Amino acid sequence: MKRETKHHHADSVNRVLSYIYLHIDTDLNVAELAEMEGISPHHLHRIFKEETGRNLFETIKSIRLQKSASLLLTNKYATVSEIAQMCGYSSQTSFIKAFKERFHTTPKVWKSGESLLYSEKILEGSSFGNSDRDFSGTIPKIVKSPPIYAAYIRHRGYNISIKNSWNRLVGWSIENTIPENARQIGFHHDNPTITPPDECAYIAAIEVKKGMRLHGSVAYFEIPASLCAVFHIQGKYGDVLHFMRYVYQIWLPESGFEAKTLPPYAIYRKNHFVDESDEFDLEFYLPITVL
């Protein structure tokens, strides 16, 4: 595949993903998504799978269910039917069925505390969950984050293999004389505390000048501006999952905020995926809205 064609495909998939995240509460029609890009539905399915390694329909379903899992915890006074509508489900029955298939429990039981047990099992089965770190009491700053333009490489799985993608990105940045102090960003398309880490979509990214298009095996996107809760944390390999569990299942439900469908991201001051010490120093940006 020619490099120009690959970049064109990456741009199309990024625009479609952005639209999905922003309109996850609506009836997303694949034919309309394809029409937005001036391509056929079949072609959209094909390039989406090539770029992300995931099926388009399954991706939309996963985003809906992750949003619902979060809303069930944060929107304490919303009914299950209202949560279903917020996540784009046309009926409560279809929502409950899909939720049970994914999380092996009902939305009502999830809301009453089952979410903590579910994430505990995820952590126990992950090499990233090998940590006894307690983040209780960690309080964020609430800020309006500006947009960030970045070059990136997609990665499937939230595990030690992410180092391979970071090494490629660092190599690309050296070849193209990207400043050494350019910000490194980890973008979480999935919540690894409720999604098996090996199935998570992760992006390794580095900030570049807006509009930059350099040669190499990278694509480009813009992280949109958003109201964010920003947590500054330090730690070592294995601590991040415990931190994310604290954010989503302990801090967020009591915060008076709701997580947006825009994925969160980490801006690394010290990146444990490229630092030999396996230690990190990062700011975690969680896009939110006031309840």
C-alpha atoms as a PDB file:
ATOM      1  CA  MET A   1       0.000   0.000   0.000  1.00  0.00           C
ATOM      2  CA  LYS A   2       1.360   3.422  -0.914  1.00  0.00           C
ATOM      3  CA  ARG A   3       2.229   5.668   2.021  1.00  0.00           C
ATOM      4  CA  GLU A   4      -0.164   8.395   0.797  1.00  0.00           C
ATOM      5  CA  THR A   5      -3.028   5.907   0.619  1.00  0.00           C
ATOM      6  CA  LYS A   6      -2.310   4.641   4.138  1.00  0.00           C
ATOM      7  CA  HIS A   7      -2.315   8.201   5.518  1.00  0.00           C
ATOM      8  CA  HIS A   8      -5.597   8.875   3.704  1.00  0.00           C
ATOM      9  CA  HIS A   9      -7.136   5.751   5.244  1.00  0.00           C
ATOM     10  CA  ALA A  10      -5.861   6.713   8.705  1.00  0.00           C
ATOM     11  CA  ASP A  11      -7.409  10.185   8.362  1.00  0.00           C
ATOM     12  CA  SER A  12     -10.776   8.695   7.342  1.00  0.00           C
ATOM     13  CA  VAL A  13     -10.789   6.256  10.260  1.00  0.00           C
ATOM     14  CA  ASN A  14      -9.838   9.016  12.709  1.00  0.00           C
ATOM     15  CA  ARG A  15     -12.700  11.214  11.515  1.00  0.00           C
ATOM     16  CA  VAL A  16     -15.149   8.319  11.779  1.00  0.00           C
ATOM     17  CA  LEU A  17     -13.929   7.422  15.286  1.00  0.00           C
ATOM     18  CA  SER A  18     -14.220  11.040  16.419  1.00  0.00           C
ATOM     19  CA  TYR A  19     -17.773  11.187  15.078  1.00  0.00           C
ATOM     20  CA  ILE A  20     -18.670   7.934  16.843  1.00  0.00           C
ATOM     21  CA  TYR A  21     -17.368   9.159  20.198  1.00  0.00           C
ATOM     22  CA  LEU A  22     -19.199  12.478  19.890  1.00  0.00           C
ATOM     23  CA  HIS A  23     -22.500  10.906  18.759  1.00  0.00           C
ATOM     24  CA  ILE A  24     -22.522   7.615  20.637  1.00  0.00           C
ATOM     25  CA  ASP A  25     -25.978   8.475  22.040  1.00  0.00           C
ATOM     26  CA  THR A  26     -27.507   8.390  18.539  1.00  0.00           C
ATOM     27  CA  ASP A  27     -28.401   5.688  16.025  1.00  0.00           C
ATOM     28  CA  LEU A  28     -25.077   5.381  14.214  1.00  0.00           C
ATOM     29  CA  ASN A  29     -25.653   4.290  10.638  1.00  0.00           C
ATOM     30  CA  VAL A  30     -22.629   2.784   8.895  1.00  0.00           C
ATOM     31  CA  ALA A  31     -23.911   3.857   5.481  1.00  0.00           C
ATOM     32  CA  GLU A  32     -24.024   7.469   6.686  1.00  0.00           C
ATOM     33  CA  LEU A  33     -20.563   7.209   8.243  1.00  0.00           C
ATOM     34  CA  ALA A  34     -19.218   5.920   4.933  1.00  0.00           C
ATOM     35  CA  GLU A  35     -21.015   8.642   2.983  1.00  0.00           C
ATOM     36  CA  MET A  36     -19.315  11.282   5.168  1.00  0.00           C
ATOM     37  CA  GLU A  37     -15.988   9.997   3.853  1.00  0.00           C
ATOM     38  CA  GLY A  38     -17.191   9.536   0.285  1.00  0.00           C
ATOM     39  CA  ILE A  39     -16.618   5.772   0.328  1.00  0.00           C
ATOM     40  CA  SER A  40     -18.743   2.630   0.331  1.00  0.00           C
ATOM     41  CA  PRO A  41     -19.752   0.888   3.592  1.00  0.00           C
ATOM     42  CA  HIS A  42     -17.718  -2.156   2.510  1.00  0.00           C
ATOM     43  CA  HIS A  43     -14.612  -0.003   1.993  1.00  0.00           C
ATOM     44  CA  LEU A  44     -15.116   1.685   5.372  1.00  0.00           C
ATOM     45  CA  HIS A  45     -15.341  -1.692   7.118  1.00  0.00           C
ATOM     46  CA  ARG A  46     -12.161  -2.830   5.382  1.00  0.00           C
ATOM     47  CA  ILE A  47      -9.990   0.210   6.127  1.00  0.00           C
ATOM     48  CA  PHE A  48     -11.324   0.416   9.684  1.00  0.00           C
ATOM     49  CA  LYS A  49     -10.199  -3.159  10.314  1.00  0.00           C
ATOM     50  CA  GLU A  50      -6.825  -2.466   8.638  1.00  0.00           C
ATOM     51  CA  GLU A  51      -6.186   0.645  10.758  1.00  0.00           C
ATOM     52  CA  THR A  52      -7.498  -0.492  14.138  1.00  0.00           C
ATOM     53  CA  GLY A  53      -7.462  -4.284  14.005  1.00  0.00           C
ATOM     54  CA  ARG A  54     -11.086  -4.163  15.135  1.00  0.00           C
ATOM     55  CA  ASN A  55     -14.516  -4.666  13.617  1.00  0.00           C
ATOM     56  CA  LEU A  56     -16.466  -1.408  13.200  1.00  0.00           C
ATOM     57  CA  PHE A  57     -19.737  -2.750  14.603  1.00  0.00           C
ATOM     58  CA  GLU A  58     -17.981  -4.300  17.595  1.00  0.00           C
ATOM     59  CA  THR A  59     -16.119  -1.045  18.231  1.00  0.00           C
ATOM     60  CA  ILE A  60     -19.357   0.946  18.332  1.00  0.00           C
ATOM     61  CA  LYS A  61     -20.886  -1.643  20.662  1.00  0.00           C
ATOM     62  CA  SER A  62     -17.841  -1.575  22.935  1.00  0.00           C
ATOM     63  CA  ILE A  63     -17.907   2.237  23.183  1.00  0.00           C
ATOM     64  CA  ARG A  64     -21.624   2.187  24.008  1.00  0.00           C
ATOM     65  CA  LEU A  65     -21.138  -0.389  26.768  1.00  0.00           C
ATOM     66  CA  GLN A  66     -18.090   1.298  28.299  1.00  0.00           C
ATOM     67  CA  LYS A  67     -20.003   4.580  28.437  1.00  0.00           C
ATOM     68  CA  SER A  68     -22.993   2.854  30.025  1.00  0.00           C
ATOM     69  CA  ALA A  69     -20.767   1.149  32.620  1.00  0.00           C
ATOM     70  CA  SER A  70     -19.418   4.553  33.623  1.00  0.00           C
ATOM     71  CA  LEU A  71     -22.787   6.325  33.580  1.00  0.00           C
ATOM     72  CA  LEU A  72     -24.374   3.666  35.778  1.00  0.00           C
ATOM     73  CA  LEU A  73     -21.872   4.646  38.480  1.00  0.00           C
ATOM     74  CA  THR A  74     -21.861   8.425  38.047  1.00  0.00           C
ATOM     75  CA  ASN A  75     -25.530   9.145  37.212  1.00  0.00           C
ATOM     76  CA  LYS A  76     -26.936   7.868  40.494  1.00  0.00           C
ATOM     77  CA  TYR A  77     -30.480   9.081  39.913  1.00  0.00           C
ATOM     78  CA  ALA A  78     -30.845   7.995  36.278  1.00  0.00           C
ATOM     79  CA  THR A  79     -32.919   4.912  35.525  1.00  0.00           C
ATOM     80  CA  VAL A  80     -31.557   1.986  33.523  1.00  0.00           C
ATOM     81  CA  SER A  81     -33.837   3.049  30.670  1.00  0.00           C
ATOM     82  CA  GLU A  82     -32.402   6.581  30.710  1.00  0.00           C
ATOM     83  CA  ILE A  83     -28.828   5.229  30.718  1.00  0.00           C
ATOM     84  CA  ALA A  84     -29.718   3.028  27.747  1.00  0.00           C
ATOM     85  CA  GLN A  85     -30.955   6.060  25.806  1.00  0.00           C
ATOM     86  CA  MET A  86     -27.828   8.059  26.689  1.00  0.00           C
ATOM     87  CA  CYS A  87     -25.728   5.315  25.111  1.00  0.00           C
ATOM     88  CA  GLY A  88     -27.718   4.983  21.903  1.00  0.00           C
ATOM     89  CA  TYR A  89     -29.855   1.929  22.701  1.00  0.00           C
ATOM     90  CA  SER A  90     -33.376   1.996  21.310  1.00  0.00           C
ATOM     91  CA  SER A  91     -34.788  -0.223  24.058  1.00  0.00           C
ATOM     92  CA  GLN A  92     -34.020  -1.128  27.646  1.00  0.00           C
ATOM     93  CA  THR A  93     -34.338  -4.834  26.796  1.00  0.00           C
ATOM     94  CA  SER A  94     -31.641  -4.759  24.096  1.00  0.00           C
ATOM     95  CA  PHE A  95     -29.375  -2.738  26.388  1.00  0.00           C
ATOM     96  CA  ILE A  96     -29.695  -5.171  29.303  1.00  0.00           C
ATOM     97  CA  LYS A  97     -29.034  -8.130  27.004  1.00  0.00           C
ATOM     98  CA  ALA A  98     -25.882  -6.525  25.542  1.00  0.00           C
ATOM     99  CA  PHE A  99     -24.684  -5.446  29.005  1.00  0.00           C
ATOM    100  CA  LYS A 100     -25.067  -8.956  30.441  1.00  0.00           C
ATOM    101  CA  GLU A 101     -23.172 -10.454  27.497  1.00  0.00           C
ATOM    102  CA  ARG A 102     -20.264  -8.081  28.099  1.00  0.00           C
ATOM    103  CA  PHE A 103     -20.106  -7.803  31.897  1.00  0.00           C
ATOM    104  CA  HIS A 104     -21.865 -11.028  32.993  1.00  0.00           C
ATOM    105  CA  THR A 105     -24.257  -9.120  35.242  1.00  0.00           C
ATOM    106  CA  THR A 106     -27.212  -6.766  34.977  1.00  0.00           C
ATOM    107  CA  PRO A 107     -26.915  -2.955  34.922  1.00  0.00           C
ATOM    108  CA  LYS A 108     -28.738  -2.799  38.268  1.00  0.00           C
ATOM    109  CA  VAL A 109     -26.309  -5.190  39.976  1.00  0.00           C
ATOM    110  CA  TRP A 110     -23.333  -3.405  38.357  1.00  0.00           C
ATOM    111  CA  LYS A 111     -24.557  -0.133  39.819  1.00  0.00           C
ATOM    112  CA  SER A 112     -24.804  -1.654  43.313  1.00  0.00           C
ATOM    113  CA  GLY A 113     -21.105  -2.585  43.494  1.00  0.00           C
ATOM    114  CA  GLU A 114     -20.458  -5.477  41.126  1.00  0.00           C
ATOM    115  CA  SER A 115     -18.279  -3.151  39.028  1.00  0.00           C
ATOM    116  CA  LEU A 116     -15.538  -3.243  41.665  1.00  0.00           C
ATOM    117  CA  LEU A 117     -15.466  -7.051  41.699  1.00  0.00           C
ATOM    118  CA  TYR A 118     -15.401  -7.168  37.896  1.00  0.00           C
ATOM    119  CA  SER A 119     -12.430  -4.805  37.655  1.00  0.00           C
ATOM    120  CA  GLU A 120     -10.647  -6.705  40.429  1.00  0.00           C
ATOM    121  CA  LYS A 121     -10.810  -9.879  38.302  1.00  0.00           C
ATOM    122  CA  ILE A 122      -9.461  -7.943  35.301  1.00  0.00           C
ATOM    123  CA  LEU A 123      -6.537  -6.664  37.369  1.00  0.00           C
ATOM    124  CA  GLU A 124      -5.768 -10.098  38.800  1.00  0.00           C
ATOM    125  CA  GLY A 125      -5.472 -11.516  35.304  1.00  0.00           C
ATOM    126  CA  SER A 126      -3.167  -8.788  34.018  1.00  0.00           C
ATOM    127  CA  SER A 127       0.592  -8.414  34.329  1.00  0.00           C
ATOM    128  CA  PHE A 128      -0.159  -4.679  34.667  1.00  0.00           C
ATOM    129  CA  GLY A 129      -2.319  -5.383  37.709  1.00  0.00           C
ATOM    130  CA  ASN A 130       0.619  -6.553  39.846  1.00  0.00           C
ATOM    131  CA  SER A 131       0.592  -3.593  42.205  1.00  0.00           C
ATOM    132  CA  ASP A 132      -0.517  -2.816  45.748  1.00  0.00           C
ATOM    133  CA  ARG A 133      -0.529   0.949  45.187  1.00  0.00           C
ATOM    134  CA  ASP A 134      -3.379   2.848  46.864  1.00  0.00           C
ATOM    135  CA  PHE A 135      -4.431   6.088  45.145  1.00  0.00           C
ATOM    136  CA  SER A 136      -7.169   6.965  47.646  1.00  0.00           C
ATOM    137  CA  GLY A 137      -7.446  10.693  48.212  1.00  0.00           C
ATOM    138  CA  THR A 138      -5.774  11.676  44.931  1.00  0.00           C
ATOM    139  CA  ILE A 139      -7.544  14.864  43.834  1.00  0.00           C
ATOM    140  CA  PRO A 140      -7.395  16.360  40.319  1.00  0.00           C
ATOM    141  CA  LYS A 141      -7.312  19.875  38.972  1.00  0.00           C
ATOM    142  CA  ILE A 142     -10.263  20.838  36.758  1.00  0.00           C
ATOM    143  CA  VAL A 143      -9.001  22.602  33.634  1.00  0.00           C
ATOM    144  CA  LYS A 144      -9.948  23.370  30.036  1.00  0.00           C
ATOM    145  CA  SER A 145      -7.341  21.474  28.049  1.00  0.00           C
ATOM    146  CA  PRO A 146      -6.300  22.927  24.673  1.00  0.00           C
ATOM    147  CA  PRO A 147      -6.260  20.801  21.513  1.00  0.00           C
ATOM    148  CA  ILE A 148      -3.082  18.826  20.829  1.00  0.00           C
ATOM    149  CA  TYR A 149      -1.892  17.836  17.350  1.00  0.00           C
ATOM    150  CA  ALA A 150       0.147  14.647  17.363  1.00  0.00           C
ATOM    151  CA  ALA A 151       1.783  11.933  15.295  1.00  0.00           C
ATOM    152  CA  TYR A 152       0.885   8.470  16.486  1.00  0.00           C
ATOM    153  CA  ILE A 153       1.087   4.709  16.162  1.00  0.00           C
ATOM    154  CA  ARG A 154      -1.871   2.505  17.120  1.00  0.00           C
ATOM    155  CA  HIS A 155      -1.356  -0.465  19.401  1.00  0.00           C
ATOM    156  CA  ARG A 156      -3.636  -3.382  20.246  1.00  0.00           C
ATOM    157  CA  GLY A 157      -3.358  -4.438  23.874  1.00  0.00           C
ATOM    158  CA  TYR A 158      -2.481  -2.680  27.104  1.00  0.00           C
ATOM    159  CA  ASN A 159       0.556  -4.705  28.138  1.00  0.00           C
ATOM    160  CA  ILE A 160       4.352  -4.750  27.947  1.00  0.00           C
ATOM    161  CA  SER A 161       4.241  -5.013  24.145  1.00  0.00           C
ATOM    162  CA  ILE A 162       3.361  -1.304  24.048  1.00  0.00           C
ATOM    163  CA  LYS A 163       7.110  -0.743  24.373  1.00  0.00           C
ATOM    164  CA  ASN A 164       7.496  -1.919  20.768  1.00  0.00           C
ATOM    165  CA  SER A 165       5.191   0.816  19.466  1.00  0.00           C
ATOM    166  CA  TRP A 166       6.901   3.436  21.606  1.00  0.00           C
ATOM    167  CA  ASN A 167      10.311   2.377  20.319  1.00  0.00           C
ATOM    168  CA  ARG A 168       9.081   2.747  16.736  1.00  0.00           C
ATOM    169  CA  LEU A 169       7.641   6.176  17.488  1.00  0.00           C
ATOM    170  CA  VAL A 170      10.819   7.337  19.229  1.00  0.00           C
ATOM    171  CA  GLY A 171      12.858   6.076  16.282  1.00  0.00           C
ATOM    172  CA  TRP A 172      10.619   7.975  13.863  1.00  0.00           C
ATOM    173  CA  SER A 173      10.917  11.170  15.919  1.00  0.00           C
ATOM    174  CA  ILE A 174      14.736  10.910  15.934  1.00  0.00           C
ATOM    175  CA  GLU A 175      14.844  10.354  12.157  1.00  0.00           C
ATOM    176  CA  ASN A 176      12.676  13.418  11.625  1.00  0.00           C
ATOM    177  CA  THR A 177      14.451  15.632  14.203  1.00  0.00           C
ATOM    178  CA  ILE A 178      11.372  16.117  16.356  1.00  0.00           C
ATOM    179  CA  PRO A 179      12.484  18.154  19.414  1.00  0.00           C
ATOM    180  CA  GLU A 180      13.550  15.970  22.348  1.00  0.00           C
ATOM    181  CA  ASN A 181      11.195  17.869  24.650  1.00  0.00           C
ATOM    182  CA  ALA A 182       8.129  17.126  22.469  1.00  0.00           C
ATOM    183  CA  ARG A 183       5.362  15.814  24.702  1.00  0.00           C
ATOM    184  CA  GLN A 184       4.749  12.051  24.669  1.00  0.00           C
ATOM    185  CA  ILE A 185       1.096  11.047  25.045  1.00  0.00           C
ATOM    186  CA  GLY A 186      -0.626   7.738  25.736  1.00  0.00           C
ATOM    187  CA  PHE A 187      -4.215   7.673  24.453  1.00  0.00           C
ATOM    188  CA  HIS A 188      -6.657   5.157  25.985  1.00  0.00           C
ATOM    189  CA  HIS A 189      -9.518   4.225  23.642  1.00  0.00           C
ATOM    190  CA  ASP A 190     -10.687   1.579  26.123  1.00  0.00           C
ATOM    191  CA  ASN A 191     -10.873   1.468  29.892  1.00  0.00           C
ATOM    192  CA  PRO A 192      -8.469  -1.373  30.817  1.00  0.00           C
ATOM    193  CA  THR A 193     -10.112  -1.861  34.209  1.00  0.00           C
ATOM    194  CA  ILE A 194     -13.329  -3.130  32.580  1.00  0.00           C
ATOM    195  CA  THR A 195     -11.908  -4.389  29.265  1.00  0.00           C
ATOM    196  CA  PRO A 196      -9.407  -7.267  29.163  1.00  0.00           C
ATOM    197  CA  PRO A 197      -6.078  -5.435  28.641  1.00  0.00           C
ATOM    198  CA  ASP A 198      -5.074  -7.599  25.662  1.00  0.00           C
ATOM    199  CA  GLU A 199      -8.183  -6.308  23.851  1.00  0.00           C
ATOM    200  CA  CYS A 200      -7.660  -2.622  24.627  1.00  0.00           C
ATOM    201  CA  ALA A 201      -6.930  -0.075  21.920  1.00  0.00           C
ATOM    202  CA  TYR A 202      -4.009   2.188  22.870  1.00  0.00           C
ATOM    203  CA  ILE A 203      -2.243   4.952  20.959  1.00  0.00           C
ATOM    204  CA  ALA A 204       1.382   6.029  21.428  1.00  0.00           C
ATOM    205  CA  ALA A 205       1.629   9.651  20.306  1.00  0.00           C
ATOM    206  CA  ILE A 206       4.077  12.533  20.227  1.00  0.00           C
ATOM    207  CA  GLU A 207       3.134  16.200  19.878  1.00  0.00           C
ATOM    208  CA  VAL A 208       4.135  17.883  16.602  1.00  0.00           C
ATOM    209  CA  LYS A 209       3.378  21.194  14.933  1.00  0.00           C
ATOM    210  CA  LYS A 210      -0.189  21.415  13.648  1.00  0.00           C
ATOM    211  CA  GLY A 211      -0.440  20.446  10.018  1.00  0.00           C
ATOM    212  CA  MET A 212       2.906  18.628   9.975  1.00  0.00           C
ATOM    213  CA  ARG A 213       3.057  15.689   7.572  1.00  0.00           C
ATOM    214  CA  LEU A 214       6.394  13.888   7.569  1.00  0.00           C
ATOM    215  CA  HIS A 215       7.412  10.607   5.969  1.00  0.00           C
ATOM    216  CA  GLY A 216       7.323   7.440   8.016  1.00  0.00           C
ATOM    217  CA  SER A 217       4.954   4.848   9.455  1.00  0.00           C
ATOM    218  CA  VAL A 218       2.898   7.277  11.523  1.00  0.00           C
ATOM    219  CA  ALA A 219      -0.509   8.885  11.202  1.00  0.00           C
ATOM    220  CA  TYR A 220      -1.760  12.189  12.609  1.00  0.00           C
ATOM    221  CA  PHE A 221      -4.716  13.360  14.634  1.00  0.00           C
ATOM    222  CA  GLU A 222      -5.851  16.199  16.887  1.00  0.00           C
ATOM    223  CA  ILE A 223      -6.924  15.593  20.468  1.00  0.00           C
ATOM    224  CA  PRO A 224      -9.877  17.993  20.873  1.00  0.00           C
ATOM    225  CA  ALA A 225     -10.116  20.670  23.543  1.00  0.00           C
ATOM    226  CA  SER A 226     -12.187  19.580  26.531  1.00  0.00           C
ATOM    227  CA  LEU A 227     -13.005  20.209  30.160  1.00  0.00           C
ATOM    228  CA  CYS A 228     -10.772  17.711  31.971  1.00  0.00           C
ATOM    229  CA  ALA A 229      -9.981  16.388  35.418  1.00  0.00           C
ATOM    230  CA  VAL A 230      -6.174  16.297  35.486  1.00  0.00           C
ATOM    231  CA  PHE A 231      -4.402  13.980  37.919  1.00  0.00           C
ATOM    232  CA  HIS A 232      -0.641  14.223  38.466  1.00  0.00           C
ATOM    233  CA  ILE A 233       0.717  10.851  39.549  1.00  0.00           C
ATOM    234  CA  GLN A 234       4.049   9.067  39.776  1.00  0.00           C
ATOM    235  CA  GLY A 235       4.728   5.364  40.047  1.00  0.00           C
ATOM    236  CA  LYS A 236       6.118   2.269  38.429  1.00  0.00           C
ATOM    237  CA  TYR A 237       5.095  -0.368  35.935  1.00  0.00           C
ATOM    238  CA  GLY A 238       1.853  -1.938  37.134  1.00  0.00           C
ATOM    239  CA  ASP A 239       0.453   1.041  39.051  1.00  0.00           C
ATOM    240  CA  VAL A 240      -1.508   2.657  36.219  1.00  0.00           C
ATOM    241  CA  LEU A 241      -4.368   0.149  36.175  1.00  0.00           C
ATOM    242  CA  HIS A 242      -4.929   0.586  39.901  1.00  0.00           C
ATOM    243  CA  PHE A 243      -4.962   4.333  39.402  1.00  0.00           C
ATOM    244  CA  MET A 244      -7.529   4.112  36.589  1.00  0.00           C
ATOM    245  CA  ARG A 245      -9.708   1.861  38.717  1.00  0.00           C
ATOM    246  CA  TYR A 246      -9.628   4.505  41.463  1.00  0.00           C
ATOM    247  CA  VAL A 247     -10.510   7.285  39.001  1.00  0.00           C
ATOM    248  CA  TYR A 248     -13.445   5.551  37.331  1.00  0.00           C
ATOM    249  CA  GLN A 249     -14.949   3.597  40.193  1.00  0.00           C
ATOM    250  CA  ILE A 250     -14.127   5.563  43.328  1.00  0.00           C
ATOM    251  CA  TRP A 251     -13.378   9.205  42.474  1.00  0.00           C
ATOM    252  CA  LEU A 252     -15.751   9.715  39.554  1.00  0.00           C
ATOM    253  CA  PRO A 253     -18.995   8.435  41.172  1.00  0.00           C
ATOM    254  CA  GLU A 254     -18.550  10.884  44.070  1.00  0.00           C
ATOM    255  CA  SER A 255     -17.161  13.791  42.052  1.00  0.00           C
ATOM    256  CA  GLY A 256     -20.271  15.435  40.638  1.00  0.00           C
ATOM    257  CA  PHE A 257     -18.848  14.918  37.151  1.00  0.00           C
ATOM    258  CA  GLU A 258     -19.503  12.445  34.364  1.00  0.00           C
ATOM    259  CA  ALA A 259     -16.896  11.052  31.991  1.00  0.00           C
ATOM    260  CA  LYS A 260     -17.356  12.074  28.360  1.00  0.00           C
ATOM    261  CA  THR A 261     -17.017   9.503  25.596  1.00  0.00           C
ATOM    262  CA  LEU A 262     -13.829  11.268  24.477  1.00  0.00           C
ATOM    263  CA  PRO A 263     -11.032   8.894  25.500  1.00  0.00           C
ATOM    264  CA  PRO A 264      -8.681   9.931  28.322  1.00  0.00           C
ATOM    265  CA  TYR A 265      -4.968  10.389  27.751  1.00  0.00           C
ATOM    266  CA  ALA A 266      -1.725  10.567  29.720  1.00  0.00           C
ATOM    267  CA  ILE A 267       0.913  13.214  29.059  1.00  0.00           C
ATOM    268  CA  TYR A 268       4.192  11.723  30.225  1.00  0.00           C
ATOM    269  CA  ARG A 269       6.800  13.735  32.065  1.00  0.00           C
ATOM    270  CA  LYS A 270       8.608  10.423  32.405  1.00  0.00           C
ATOM    271  CA  ASN A 271       7.421   7.565  30.192  1.00  0.00           C
ATOM    272  CA  HIS A 272       7.721   4.100  31.745  1.00  0.00           C
ATOM    273  CA  PHE A 273       7.448   2.514  28.298  1.00  0.00           C
ATOM    274  CA  VAL A 274      10.726   4.078  27.151  1.00  0.00           C
ATOM    275  CA  ASP A 275      12.507   4.758  30.452  1.00  0.00           C
ATOM    276  CA  GLU A 276      14.793   1.938  31.616  1.00  0.00           C
ATOM    277  CA  SER A 277      13.626   2.348  35.215  1.00  0.00           C
ATOM    278  CA  ASP A 278      10.016   1.344  34.313  1.00  0.00           C
ATOM    279  CA  GLU A 279       8.915   4.389  36.339  1.00  0.00           C
ATOM    280  CA  PHE A 280       6.460   7.040  35.222  1.00  0.00           C
ATOM    281  CA  ASP A 281       5.609  10.635  36.027  1.00  0.00           C
ATOM    282  CA  LEU A 282       2.473  11.677  34.195  1.00  0.00           C
ATOM    283  CA  GLU A 283      -0.610  13.854  34.050  1.00  0.00           C
ATOM    284  CA  PHE A 284      -3.786  11.887  33.347  1.00  0.00           C
ATOM    285  CA  TYR A 285      -6.438  13.881  31.474  1.00  0.00           C
ATOM    286  CA  LEU A 286     -10.012  12.621  31.910  1.00  0.00           C
ATOM    287  CA  PRO A 287     -12.563  14.495  29.718  1.00  0.00           C
ATOM    288  CA  ILE A 288     -15.601  15.305  31.881  1.00  0.00           C
ATOM    289  CA  THR A 289     -18.826  17.237  32.024  1.00  0.00           C
ATOM    290  CA  VAL A 290     -20.651  18.590  35.088  1.00  0.00           C
ATOM    291  CA  LEU A 291     -23.662  16.551  36.202  1.00  0.00           C
END
